C-alpha atoms as a PDB file:
ATOM      1  CA  MET A   1     -16.560 -18.604 -29.579  1.00  0.00           C
ATOM      2  CA  GLU A   2     -18.844 -15.799 -30.617  1.00  0.00           C
ATOM      3  CA  PRO A   3     -18.510 -12.474 -28.792  1.00  0.00           C
ATOM      4  CA  GLU A   4     -22.101 -12.584 -27.493  1.00  0.00           C
ATOM      5  CA  VAL A   5     -21.563 -16.037 -26.000  1.00  0.00           C
ATOM      6  CA  ALA A   6     -18.315 -14.910 -24.355  1.00  0.00           C
ATOM      7  CA  LYS A   7     -20.111 -11.860 -22.963  1.00  0.00           C
ATOM      8  CA  LEU A   8     -22.884 -14.003 -21.470  1.00  0.00           C
ATOM      9  CA  MET A   9     -20.343 -16.418 -19.994  1.00  0.00           C
ATOM     10  CA  ALA A  10     -18.498 -13.507 -18.364  1.00  0.00           C
ATOM     11  CA  ILE A  11     -21.761 -12.242 -16.890  1.00  0.00           C
ATOM     12  CA  ALA A  12     -22.552 -15.701 -15.511  1.00  0.00           C
ATOM     13  CA  ILE A  13     -19.097 -16.061 -13.964  1.00  0.00           C
ATOM     14  CA  VAL A  14     -19.200 -12.592 -12.395  1.00  0.00           C
ATOM     15  CA  MET A  15     -22.623 -13.167 -10.876  1.00  0.00           C
ATOM     16  CA  GLY A  16     -21.797 -16.704  -9.765  1.00  0.00           C
ATOM     17  CA  LEU A  17     -18.567 -15.824  -7.990  1.00  0.00           C
ATOM     18  CA  GLY A  18     -19.896 -12.472  -6.863  1.00  0.00           C
ATOM     19  CA  THR A  19     -22.736 -14.070  -4.952  1.00  0.00           C
ATOM     20  CA  VAL A  20     -21.208 -17.322  -3.689  1.00  0.00           C
ATOM     21  CA  PHE A  21     -18.183 -15.872  -1.928  1.00  0.00           C
ATOM     22  CA  PRO A  22     -20.031 -13.053  -0.117  1.00  0.00           C
ATOM     23  CA  ALA A  23     -22.645 -15.594   0.993  1.00  0.00           C
ATOM     24  CA  ILE A  24     -19.899 -17.793   2.444  1.00  0.00           C
ATOM     25  CA  ALA A  25     -18.333 -14.759   4.124  1.00  0.00           C
ATOM     26  CA  ILE A  26     -21.646 -13.671   5.663  1.00  0.00           C
ATOM     27  CA  GLY A  27     -22.221 -17.164   7.043  1.00  0.00           C
ATOM     28  CA  TRP A  28     -18.718 -17.286   8.464  1.00  0.00           C
ATOM     29  CA  ILE A  29     -19.079 -13.833  10.058  1.00  0.00           C
ATOM     30  CA  GLY A  30     -22.396 -14.812  11.612  1.00  0.00           C
ATOM     31  CA  SER A  31     -20.949 -18.050  12.942  1.00  0.00           C
ATOM     32  CA  LYS A  32     -17.930 -16.377  14.501  1.00  0.00           C
ATOM     33  CA  GLY A  33     -20.110 -13.613  15.948  1.00  0.00           C
ATOM     34  CA  ALA A  34     -22.435 -16.135  17.558  1.00  0.00           C
ATOM     35  CA  ASP A  35     -19.411 -17.994  18.965  1.00  0.00           C
ATOM     36  CA  ALA A  36     -18.015 -14.751  20.406  1.00  0.00           C
ATOM     37  CA  ILE A  37     -21.334 -13.811  21.977  1.00  0.00           C
ATOM     38  CA  GLY A  38     -21.635 -17.314  23.411  1.00  0.00           C
ATOM     39  CA  ARG A  39     -18.198 -17.076  25.024  1.00  0.00           C
ATOM     40  CA  ASN A  40     -18.678 -13.535  26.341  1.00  0.00           C
ATOM     41  CA  PRO A  41     -22.346 -12.496  26.591  1.00  0.00           C
ATOM     42  CA  GLU A  42     -21.472  -9.166  28.241  1.00  0.00           C
ATOM     43  CA  ALA A  43     -19.807  -8.002  25.024  1.00  0.00           C
ATOM     44  CA  ALA A  44     -22.814  -8.894  22.856  1.00  0.00           C
ATOM     45  CA  SER A  45     -23.579  -5.308  21.806  1.00  0.00           C
ATOM     46  CA  LYS A  46     -19.999  -4.606  20.699  1.00  0.00           C
ATOM     47  CA  VAL A  47     -19.703  -7.924  18.866  1.00  0.00           C
ATOM     48  CA  GLN A  48     -23.087  -7.462  17.211  1.00  0.00           C
ATOM     49  CA  THR A  49     -22.183  -3.957  15.985  1.00  0.00           C
ATOM     50  CA  ALA A  50     -18.909  -5.157  14.468  1.00  0.00           C
ATOM     51  CA  MET A  51     -20.639  -8.202  12.989  1.00  0.00           C
ATOM     52  CA  ILE A  52     -23.346  -6.132  11.275  1.00  0.00           C
ATOM     53  CA  LEU A  53     -20.721  -3.770   9.864  1.00  0.00           C
ATOM     54  CA  ALA A  54     -18.668  -6.686   8.502  1.00  0.00           C
ATOM     55  CA  ILE A  55     -21.792  -8.259   6.959  1.00  0.00           C
ATOM     56  CA  ALA A  56     -22.593  -4.954   5.244  1.00  0.00           C
ATOM     57  CA  PHE A  57     -19.108  -4.851   3.717  1.00  0.00           C
ATOM     58  CA  ALA A  58     -19.424  -8.442   2.502  1.00  0.00           C
ATOM     59  CA  GLU A  59     -22.825  -7.681   0.989  1.00  0.00           C
ATOM     60  CA  ALA A  60     -21.334  -4.673  -0.804  1.00  0.00           C
ATOM     61  CA  ILE A  61     -19.117  -7.058  -2.765  1.00  0.00           C
ATOM     62  CA  ALA A  62     -22.200  -8.840  -4.096  1.00  0.00           C
ATOM     63  CA  ILE A  63     -23.713  -5.504  -5.087  1.00  0.00           C
ATOM     64  CA  TYR A  64     -20.499  -4.569  -6.921  1.00  0.00           C
ATOM     65  CA  ALA A  65     -20.704  -7.869  -8.815  1.00  0.00           C
ATOM     66  CA  LEU A  66     -24.293  -7.090  -9.771  1.00  0.00           C
ATOM     67  CA  VAL A  67     -23.285  -3.652 -11.060  1.00  0.00           C
ATOM     68  CA  ILE A  68     -20.419  -5.110 -13.080  1.00  0.00           C
ATOM     69  CA  SER A  69     -22.663  -7.760 -14.613  1.00  0.00           C
ATOM     70  CA  LEU A  70     -25.268  -5.139 -15.550  1.00  0.00           C
ATOM     71  CA  ILE A  71     -22.573  -3.017 -17.152  1.00  0.00           C
ATOM     72  CA  LEU A  72     -21.354  -6.034 -19.128  1.00  0.00           C
ATOM     73  CA  LYS A  73     -24.911  -6.831 -20.160  1.00  0.00           C
ATOM     74  CA  PHE A  74     -26.118  -3.421 -21.305  1.00  0.00           C
ATOM     75  CA  VAL A  75     -23.005  -1.445 -22.341  1.00  0.00           C
ATOM     76  CA  ASP A  76     -21.535  -2.207 -25.728  1.00  0.00           C
END
């Protein structure tokens, strides 16, 4: 396999895994947050704050994957 092909495959794998798993995590966090709010509506503000913070951390993983793929793409 040529080095350029291997480099492009690595970029594709990083972006694929780096976007699929955070998307699954964000969906799971949203689902569990909605369940918690449904069970205890009085705690909605606390649950929502924790849920938004957790979603931000999950989204950061996708941003890290984007940065890594850009480094692989443009740095020799």
